[in-house]
Amino acid sequence: MNILPAAWESVRGEWRERARAESRLLPQGKLSGPMPWVIAIMIGLTVVATASGLALRNTARVASVDVAGGVTVQIVHGAPKERDRQAQAALASVQSAPGILSARLVPQAELDALVEPWLGTNAGDDINALPVPALIDVRLSDAANQAQLEALRERLKSPAPAARIDAQAAWLAPVFEAIGGLQWLAGGLIALLAFATVATVLLASRNALGNHRSTIEIVHMLGGTDTQIARIFQRSMAVDAAAGGIGGLLLGLVAISLLGHQFAALGSGMMTSVGLGVSDWLIICCIPLAGVLLAVITARLTVLAALRGML
């Protein structure tokens, strides 16, 4: 019953002893140089860029679902009484149309709130003196298309000649394009940070090889292999990258929290209703692991390539 645990302890002890022996060949100062700090900055920026890209993706997804079947009917008329009459007639006609999930006339209080930033807080009855259209919020059972919009226009020609019908998705098309551009920007920033991390590890590995060149030559004469030497450098890089990755993750999480509070203070439904899901947080938490793996692989390949050219 105790064979497997005993075997595992034996293998682990042998691995530790071999690691200590290899480390004594080329002493490496861990966490003493700038490498952990550089990696922490890279990981922190990557975490922020990834969280921003994921949040933008979630925002666009939720917003597109919300407005896909949304249609707005505007009754544009200078006379308030005629505007209200056509609005009631249009509402009754739309509610009886096929394919309509719901339709409601936007209350006057909501219209006042919409124009309040421009007219002030005491607009009151002066709102009727302005050509503010009556609004009907319509929800279709399916996504709005051109054929459905044309059918609604034909239906409202008689009861509400002043009606204008627009798909809500068309209004937000520039917003979706901007969100898509920001997502591409976040992806490009992540790629640049990964490239910068690789370049930094490559330069650090080459610099370490240059500092220990004479020792490496002696190790080779004593029978040491390139793989053993590379294992020493990659182990040291793994420790530095792990320390930097943890620090960068914490730094990124603080930045995400601050940004989240700033966007929540805007009071915009599109911004405050969308956050990061469980899968998004798992992706973010995997960034330090990916950073460590990238640093270790880069260090190993760099050292092996340099050793082949050195000896």
Protein backbone atom coordinates (compact mmCIF):
# COMPACT_ATOMS: atom_id res chain seq x y z
CA MET A 1 0.00 0.00 0.00
CA ASN A 2 2.96 2.33 0.68
CA ILE A 3 4.94 1.50 -2.47
CA LEU A 4 3.71 4.44 -4.59
CA PRO A 5 4.18 7.15 -1.93
CA ALA A 6 7.64 5.81 -1.12
CA ALA A 7 8.58 5.75 -4.82
CA TRP A 8 7.31 9.29 -5.29
CA GLU A 9 9.30 10.55 -2.30
CA SER A 10 12.40 8.84 -3.67
CA VAL A 11 11.98 10.43 -7.12
CA ARG A 12 11.30 13.85 -5.63
CA GLY A 13 14.34 13.60 -3.37
CA GLU A 14 16.53 12.57 -6.30
CA TRP A 15 15.21 15.49 -8.37
CA ARG A 16 15.93 17.96 -5.57
CA GLU A 17 19.43 16.65 -5.11
CA ARG A 18 20.12 16.88 -8.84
CA ALA A 19 18.76 20.44 -8.90
CA ARG A 20 21.05 21.43 -6.00
CA ALA A 21 24.05 19.87 -7.73
CA GLU A 22 23.33 21.64 -11.00
CA SER A 23 22.76 24.96 -9.24
CA ARG A 24 26.18 24.71 -7.61
CA LEU A 25 27.77 24.49 -11.05
CA LEU A 26 26.49 27.96 -12.03
CA PRO A 27 25.29 29.97 -9.03
CA GLN A 28 22.34 32.13 -10.04
CA GLY A 29 21.12 35.04 -7.95
CA LYS A 30 17.34 34.67 -7.84
CA LEU A 31 15.13 37.75 -7.53
CA SER A 32 18.21 39.95 -7.30
CA GLY A 33 18.04 41.51 -10.75
CA PRO A 34 15.42 43.54 -12.59
CA MET A 35 13.89 40.55 -14.38
CA PRO A 36 11.04 39.86 -11.88
CA TRP A 37 10.06 43.53 -11.93
CA VAL A 38 10.10 43.69 -15.72
CA ILE A 39 7.96 40.57 -15.99
CA ALA A 40 5.59 41.93 -13.32
CA ILE A 41 5.03 45.07 -15.39
CA MET A 42 4.48 43.01 -18.56
CA ILE A 43 2.04 40.65 -16.85
CA GLY A 44 0.18 43.53 -15.18
CA LEU A 45 -0.33 45.33 -18.50
CA THR A 46 -1.36 42.07 -20.15
CA VAL A 47 -3.94 41.42 -17.43
CA VAL A 48 -5.44 44.89 -17.88
CA ALA A 49 -5.49 44.58 -21.68
CA THR A 50 -7.05 41.11 -21.54
CA ALA A 51 -9.71 42.16 -19.03
CA SER A 52 -10.55 45.20 -21.15
CA GLY A 53 -10.89 43.10 -24.29
CA LEU A 54 -13.09 40.53 -22.54
CA ALA A 55 -15.29 43.23 -20.98
CA LEU A 56 -15.72 44.92 -24.37
CA ARG A 57 -16.65 41.58 -25.93
CA ASN A 58 -19.27 40.96 -23.25
CA THR A 59 -20.63 44.49 -23.61
CA ALA A 60 -21.01 44.16 -27.37
CA ARG A 61 -22.62 40.73 -27.03
CA VAL A 62 -25.21 41.83 -24.47
CA ALA A 63 -25.96 45.09 -26.26
CA SER A 64 -26.41 43.38 -29.63
CA VAL A 65 -28.84 40.88 -28.10
CA ASP A 66 -30.81 43.66 -26.40
CA VAL A 67 -31.20 45.82 -29.50
CA ALA A 68 -31.43 43.08 -32.14
CA GLY A 69 -35.24 43.05 -32.01
CA GLY A 70 -35.68 46.67 -30.96
CA VAL A 71 -37.48 49.22 -33.13
CA THR A 72 -38.22 52.85 -32.30
CA VAL A 73 -41.25 54.66 -33.72
CA GLN A 74 -41.00 58.46 -33.59
CA ILE A 75 -44.03 60.69 -34.10
CA VAL A 76 -42.54 63.97 -35.28
CA HIS A 77 -45.15 66.73 -35.32
CA GLY A 78 -45.09 70.38 -34.24
CA ALA A 79 -48.60 70.36 -32.74
CA PRO A 80 -48.61 68.56 -29.36
CA LYS A 81 -52.25 67.44 -29.59
CA GLU A 82 -51.88 66.02 -33.09
CA ARG A 83 -48.60 64.38 -32.05
CA ASP A 84 -50.27 62.68 -29.10
CA ARG A 85 -53.24 61.57 -31.23
CA GLN A 86 -51.00 59.99 -33.86
CA ALA A 87 -48.90 58.38 -31.11
CA GLN A 88 -51.95 56.66 -29.61
CA ALA A 89 -53.15 55.55 -33.04
CA ALA A 90 -49.68 54.25 -33.95
CA LEU A 91 -49.41 52.38 -30.65
CA ALA A 92 -52.74 50.61 -31.23
CA SER A 93 -51.78 49.73 -34.80
CA VAL A 94 -48.36 48.40 -33.83
CA GLN A 95 -49.70 46.30 -30.97
CA SER A 96 -52.03 44.46 -33.35
CA ALA A 97 -49.32 43.86 -35.97
CA PRO A 98 -47.92 40.33 -36.44
CA GLY A 99 -44.47 39.54 -35.06
CA ILE A 100 -44.65 42.17 -32.30
CA LEU A 101 -43.52 40.99 -28.88
CA SER A 102 -44.32 44.22 -27.03
CA ALA A 103 -44.89 47.91 -27.67
CA ARG A 104 -45.14 50.81 -25.25
CA LEU A 105 -45.43 54.56 -25.48
CA VAL A 106 -42.48 56.15 -23.68
CA PRO A 107 -43.92 58.24 -20.81
CA GLN A 108 -43.48 62.01 -20.75
CA ALA A 109 -41.35 61.74 -17.61
CA GLU A 110 -38.78 59.64 -19.46
CA LEU A 111 -38.73 62.09 -22.36
CA ASP A 112 -38.16 64.94 -19.90
CA ALA A 113 -35.26 63.00 -18.40
CA LEU A 114 -33.75 62.50 -21.85
CA VAL A 115 -33.70 66.23 -22.65
CA GLU A 116 -32.92 67.34 -19.10
CA PRO A 117 -29.12 67.57 -19.65
CA TRP A 118 -29.73 70.12 -22.42
CA LEU A 119 -32.77 72.00 -21.09
CA GLY A 120 -31.98 71.95 -17.38
CA THR A 121 -33.85 70.42 -14.48
CA ASN A 122 -36.86 72.74 -14.59
CA ALA A 123 -38.03 72.26 -18.15
CA GLY A 124 -41.62 71.56 -16.98
CA ASP A 125 -44.35 72.46 -19.42
CA ASP A 126 -41.87 74.13 -21.79
CA ILE A 127 -41.19 70.68 -23.24
CA ASN A 128 -44.41 70.93 -25.26
CA ALA A 129 -43.11 74.06 -26.96
CA LEU A 130 -40.26 72.09 -28.47
CA PRO A 131 -40.54 69.66 -31.41
CA VAL A 132 -39.72 66.66 -29.25
CA PRO A 133 -41.18 63.54 -30.90
CA ALA A 134 -43.34 61.01 -29.14
CA LEU A 135 -41.54 57.69 -28.87
CA ILE A 136 -42.88 54.15 -29.06
CA ASP A 137 -40.52 51.39 -27.98
CA VAL A 138 -41.27 48.24 -30.00
CA ARG A 139 -39.83 44.76 -29.43
CA LEU A 140 -40.03 42.24 -32.24
CA SER A 141 -40.13 38.50 -31.71
CA ASP A 142 -37.09 38.15 -34.03
CA ALA A 143 -34.21 40.37 -35.07
CA ALA A 144 -35.33 43.44 -37.01
CA ASN A 145 -34.81 43.31 -40.76
CA GLN A 146 -35.59 45.63 -43.65
CA ALA A 147 -38.74 43.77 -44.67
CA GLN A 148 -40.25 44.10 -41.20
CA LEU A 149 -39.42 47.80 -41.06
CA GLU A 150 -41.06 48.40 -44.44
CA ALA A 151 -44.16 46.48 -43.33
CA LEU A 152 -44.44 48.68 -40.22
CA ARG A 153 -44.03 51.84 -42.29
CA GLU A 154 -46.84 50.78 -44.62
CA ARG A 155 -49.03 49.91 -41.65
CA LEU A 156 -48.55 53.32 -40.01
CA LYS A 157 -48.97 55.47 -43.11
CA SER A 158 -52.67 55.98 -42.51
CA PRO A 159 -53.02 56.23 -38.69
CA ALA A 160 -49.73 58.12 -38.15
CA PRO A 161 -48.38 59.92 -41.24
CA ALA A 162 -45.69 61.64 -39.17
CA ALA A 163 -44.22 58.33 -37.93
CA ARG A 164 -40.58 57.51 -38.50
CA ILE A 165 -39.39 53.95 -37.91
CA ASP A 166 -35.79 53.00 -37.19
CA ALA A 167 -34.06 49.85 -35.99
CA GLN A 168 -32.22 50.43 -32.73
CA ALA A 169 -29.31 48.32 -33.95
CA ALA A 170 -28.68 50.87 -36.71
CA TRP A 171 -28.24 53.62 -34.11
CA LEU A 172 -25.62 51.60 -32.25
CA ALA A 173 -23.72 50.40 -35.33
CA PRO A 174 -20.96 53.04 -34.87
CA VAL A 175 -20.68 52.03 -31.21
CA PHE A 176 -20.24 48.37 -32.14
CA GLU A 177 -17.61 49.32 -34.72
CA ALA A 178 -15.73 51.33 -32.10
CA ILE A 179 -15.92 48.42 -29.63
CA GLY A 180 -14.59 46.06 -32.30
CA GLY A 181 -11.68 48.42 -32.97
CA LEU A 182 -10.87 48.60 -29.26
CA GLN A 183 -10.91 44.81 -29.07
CA TRP A 184 -8.39 44.59 -31.92
CA LEU A 185 -6.30 47.22 -30.13
CA ALA A 186 -6.33 45.16 -26.92
CA GLY A 187 -5.30 42.05 -28.87
CA GLY A 188 -2.47 43.93 -30.55
CA LEU A 189 -1.27 45.23 -27.19
CA ILE A 190 -1.24 41.68 -25.77
CA ALA A 191 0.80 40.48 -28.74
CA LEU A 192 3.28 43.34 -28.33
CA LEU A 193 3.65 42.61 -24.61
CA ALA A 194 4.29 38.93 -25.34
CA PHE A 195 6.93 39.91 -27.90
CA ALA A 196 8.53 42.33 -25.43
CA THR A 197 8.62 39.59 -22.79
CA VAL A 198 10.33 37.20 -25.18
CA ALA A 199 12.88 39.86 -26.15
CA THR A 200 13.58 40.71 -22.51
CA VAL A 201 14.10 37.07 -21.53
CA LEU A 202 16.30 36.50 -24.58
CA LEU A 203 18.56 39.45 -23.73
CA ALA A 204 18.72 38.47 -20.04
CA SER A 205 19.65 34.88 -20.92
CA ARG A 206 22.36 35.96 -23.32
CA ASN A 207 23.74 38.38 -20.73
CA ALA A 208 23.81 35.64 -18.08
CA LEU A 209 25.60 33.31 -20.49
CA GLY A 210 28.22 35.97 -21.17
CA ASN A 211 28.81 36.52 -17.46
CA HIS A 212 29.34 32.77 -16.85
CA ARG A 213 31.17 31.91 -20.07
CA SER A 214 34.38 30.77 -18.38
CA THR A 215 32.47 28.66 -15.86
CA ILE A 216 30.43 27.07 -18.63
CA GLU A 217 33.60 26.12 -20.51
CA ILE A 218 34.96 24.42 -17.39
CA VAL A 219 31.67 22.58 -16.83
CA HIS A 220 31.82 21.33 -20.42
CA MET A 221 35.37 20.06 -19.95
CA LEU A 222 34.23 18.21 -16.82
CA GLY A 223 31.53 16.42 -18.81
CA GLY A 224 28.55 18.72 -18.31
CA THR A 225 26.03 18.75 -21.14
CA ASP A 226 24.21 21.63 -22.82
CA THR A 227 20.92 20.29 -21.46
CA GLN A 228 22.17 20.44 -17.88
CA ILE A 229 23.38 24.01 -18.31
CA ALA A 230 20.15 25.06 -20.02
CA ARG A 231 18.16 23.47 -17.20
CA ILE A 232 19.95 25.69 -14.67
CA PHE A 233 19.12 28.88 -16.56
CA GLN A 234 15.51 27.92 -17.23
CA ARG A 235 14.98 27.01 -13.57
CA SER A 236 16.31 30.39 -12.49
CA MET A 237 14.14 32.11 -15.09
CA ALA A 238 11.10 30.14 -13.92
CA VAL A 239 11.57 31.42 -10.35
CA ASP A 240 11.95 35.02 -11.52
CA ALA A 241 9.01 34.74 -13.91
CA ALA A 242 6.78 33.15 -11.24
CA ALA A 243 7.56 35.94 -8.78
CA GLY A 244 6.99 38.58 -11.44
CA GLY A 245 3.82 36.85 -12.64
CA ILE A 246 2.24 36.85 -9.18
CA GLY A 247 3.16 40.49 -8.64
CA GLY A 248 1.89 41.44 -12.10
CA LEU A 249 -1.40 39.61 -11.53
CA LEU A 250 -1.99 41.48 -8.27
CA LEU A 251 -1.08 44.77 -9.94
CA GLY A 252 -3.46 44.05 -12.82
CA LEU A 253 -6.31 43.10 -10.49
CA VAL A 254 -5.92 46.38 -8.60
CA ALA A 255 -6.01 48.30 -11.89
CA ILE A 256 -9.11 46.37 -13.05
CA SER A 257 -10.87 47.13 -9.77
CA LEU A 258 -10.12 50.85 -10.07
CA LEU A 259 -11.28 50.95 -13.70
CA GLY A 260 -14.45 49.07 -12.77
CA HIS A 261 -15.31 51.66 -10.11
CA GLN A 262 -14.66 54.48 -12.59
CA PHE A 263 -16.99 53.00 -15.23
CA ALA A 264 -19.64 52.18 -12.61
CA ALA A 265 -19.67 55.86 -11.63
CA LEU A 266 -20.75 56.78 -15.17
CA GLY A 267 -24.21 55.36 -14.49
CA SER A 268 -24.51 53.99 -18.02
CA GLY A 269 -26.57 50.82 -18.29
CA MET A 270 -24.36 49.44 -21.06
CA MET A 271 -21.26 49.81 -18.87
CA THR A 272 -22.62 48.77 -15.50
CA SER A 273 -24.71 45.78 -16.60
CA VAL A 274 -21.78 43.88 -18.08
CA GLY A 275 -18.82 42.51 -16.15
CA LEU A 276 -16.39 39.62 -16.30
CA GLY A 277 -17.73 36.10 -16.03
CA VAL A 278 -16.18 33.06 -14.38
CA SER A 279 -14.54 31.93 -17.62
CA ASP A 280 -13.10 35.43 -18.10
CA TRP A 281 -11.51 35.38 -14.64
CA LEU A 282 -10.05 31.92 -15.35
CA ILE A 283 -8.45 33.30 -18.51
CA ILE A 284 -7.02 36.23 -16.57
CA CYS A 285 -5.64 33.96 -13.84
CA CYS A 286 -3.94 31.81 -16.48
CA ILE A 287 -1.95 34.78 -17.81
CA PRO A 288 0.88 34.46 -15.22
CA LEU A 289 1.15 30.74 -15.99
CA ALA A 290 1.41 31.51 -19.69
CA GLY A 291 4.03 34.14 -18.90
CA VAL A 292 6.13 31.69 -16.90
CA LEU A 293 5.88 29.06 -19.63
CA LEU A 294 6.84 31.59 -22.30
CA ALA A 295 9.82 32.80 -20.26
CA VAL A 296 11.07 29.26 -19.53
CA ILE A 297 10.78 28.11 -23.15
CA THR A 298 12.48 31.28 -24.40
CA ALA A 299 15.31 30.92 -21.88
CA ARG A 300 15.86 27.25 -22.75
CA LEU A 301 15.90 27.76 -26.52
CA THR A 302 18.12 30.83 -26.21
CA VAL A 303 20.66 29.08 -23.99
CA LEU A 304 20.79 25.94 -26.13
CA ALA A 305 21.23 27.97 -29.31
CA ALA A 306 23.95 30.11 -27.72
CA LEU A 307 25.78 27.08 -26.33
CA ARG A 308 25.86 25.44 -29.74
CA GLY A 309 27.46 28.55 -31.18
CA MET A 310 29.77 29.06 -28.22
CA LEU A 311 31.44 25.64 -28.05
